[in-house]
Amino acid sequence: MPMVKTETHIDPFIPRAVARAKFLGGISRTTLRKWEASGVLPPCIRLSQCTQGWRQSTLESFLAAKQRDAQP
C-alpha cells in the first residue's frame, strides 16, 4: 500500500497585542474591546487567564471581509 503524503498546515496563534499592532492597524485596547463587545471582531481564543488572541486565519478572514465591505 503506497504512503500518501499529506500537507500539514499550522495556523499560528496570534496574541491580542500582536494582533492589534500588526493585523488591526495599531488600534487602541479600548477600540479592540468595543469591537469584540459589539461583534465586529470574531470571539478570541482564551489559552489562559492572561493569554488571549486569534488564529491567524481568523484575522486574515476578518480583514478580507472588512476590505470587501469597504469597496464601493
Protein backbone atom coordinates (compact mmCIF):
# COMPACT_ATOMS: atom_id res chain seq x y z
CA MET A 1 0.00 0.00 0.00
CA PRO A 2 1.59 3.33 -1.05
CA MET A 3 2.20 6.04 1.51
CA VAL A 4 0.06 9.11 0.99
CA LYS A 5 1.76 12.40 1.72
CA THR A 6 -0.41 14.90 3.47
CA GLU A 7 0.46 18.53 3.88
CA THR A 8 0.39 19.87 7.37
CA HIS A 9 -0.79 23.42 7.71
CA ILE A 10 -0.16 25.10 11.02
CA ASP A 11 -2.46 28.03 11.77
CA PRO A 12 -0.48 30.11 14.27
CA PHE A 13 -1.98 31.69 17.36
CA ILE A 14 -1.71 35.50 17.35
CA PRO A 15 -1.86 37.15 20.81
CA ARG A 16 -4.07 40.22 21.24
CA ALA A 17 -1.18 42.71 21.46
CA VAL A 18 0.39 41.38 18.24
CA ALA A 19 -2.99 41.33 16.51
CA ARG A 20 -3.57 44.98 17.45
CA ALA A 21 -0.16 46.07 16.21
CA LYS A 22 0.31 44.01 13.06
CA PHE A 23 -3.13 43.00 11.85
CA LEU A 24 -5.51 45.69 13.09
CA GLY A 25 -3.53 48.83 12.30
CA GLY A 26 -2.44 49.69 15.84
CA ILE A 27 -5.93 50.26 17.23
CA SER A 28 -6.22 51.01 20.93
CA ARG A 29 -7.14 48.42 23.55
CA THR A 30 -10.39 50.32 24.12
CA THR A 31 -11.34 50.08 20.45
CA LEU A 32 -10.42 46.39 20.44
CA ARG A 33 -12.72 45.77 23.42
CA LYS A 34 -15.54 47.74 21.80
CA TRP A 35 -15.19 45.77 18.55
CA GLU A 36 -15.28 42.49 20.49
CA ALA A 37 -18.29 43.53 22.58
CA SER A 38 -20.25 44.71 19.55
CA GLY A 39 -19.42 41.63 17.47
CA VAL A 40 -17.29 43.45 14.90
CA LEU A 41 -14.39 41.11 15.69
CA PRO A 42 -14.85 37.35 16.00
CA PRO A 43 -14.53 35.96 19.53
CA CYS A 44 -10.98 35.47 20.73
CA ILE A 45 -9.47 32.21 21.96
CA ARG A 46 -8.51 32.13 25.63
CA LEU A 47 -5.44 29.96 26.25
CA SER A 48 -5.09 31.06 29.87
CA GLN A 49 -6.26 33.85 32.14
CA CYS A 50 -3.66 36.20 30.66
CA THR A 51 -3.26 34.86 27.12
CA GLN A 52 -5.95 35.58 24.56
CA GLY A 53 -5.89 36.00 20.81
CA TRP A 54 -6.98 34.62 17.47
CA ARG A 55 -5.81 32.14 14.87
CA GLN A 56 -4.03 33.88 12.01
CA SER A 57 -6.60 32.56 9.52
CA THR A 58 -9.41 34.13 11.56
CA LEU A 59 -7.75 37.56 11.46
CA GLU A 60 -6.99 37.25 7.75
CA SER A 61 -10.62 36.33 7.02
CA PHE A 62 -11.83 39.26 9.12
CA LEU A 63 -9.57 41.71 7.27
CA ALA A 64 -10.55 40.33 3.86
CA ALA A 65 -14.25 40.72 4.70
CA LYS A 66 -13.64 44.23 6.01
CA GLN A 67 -11.87 45.20 2.76
CA ARG A 68 -14.68 43.71 0.66
CA ASP A 69 -17.26 45.71 2.63
CA ALA A 70 -15.25 48.92 2.20
CA GLN A 71 -15.07 48.68 -1.58
CA PRO A 72 -17.78 50.59 -3.48
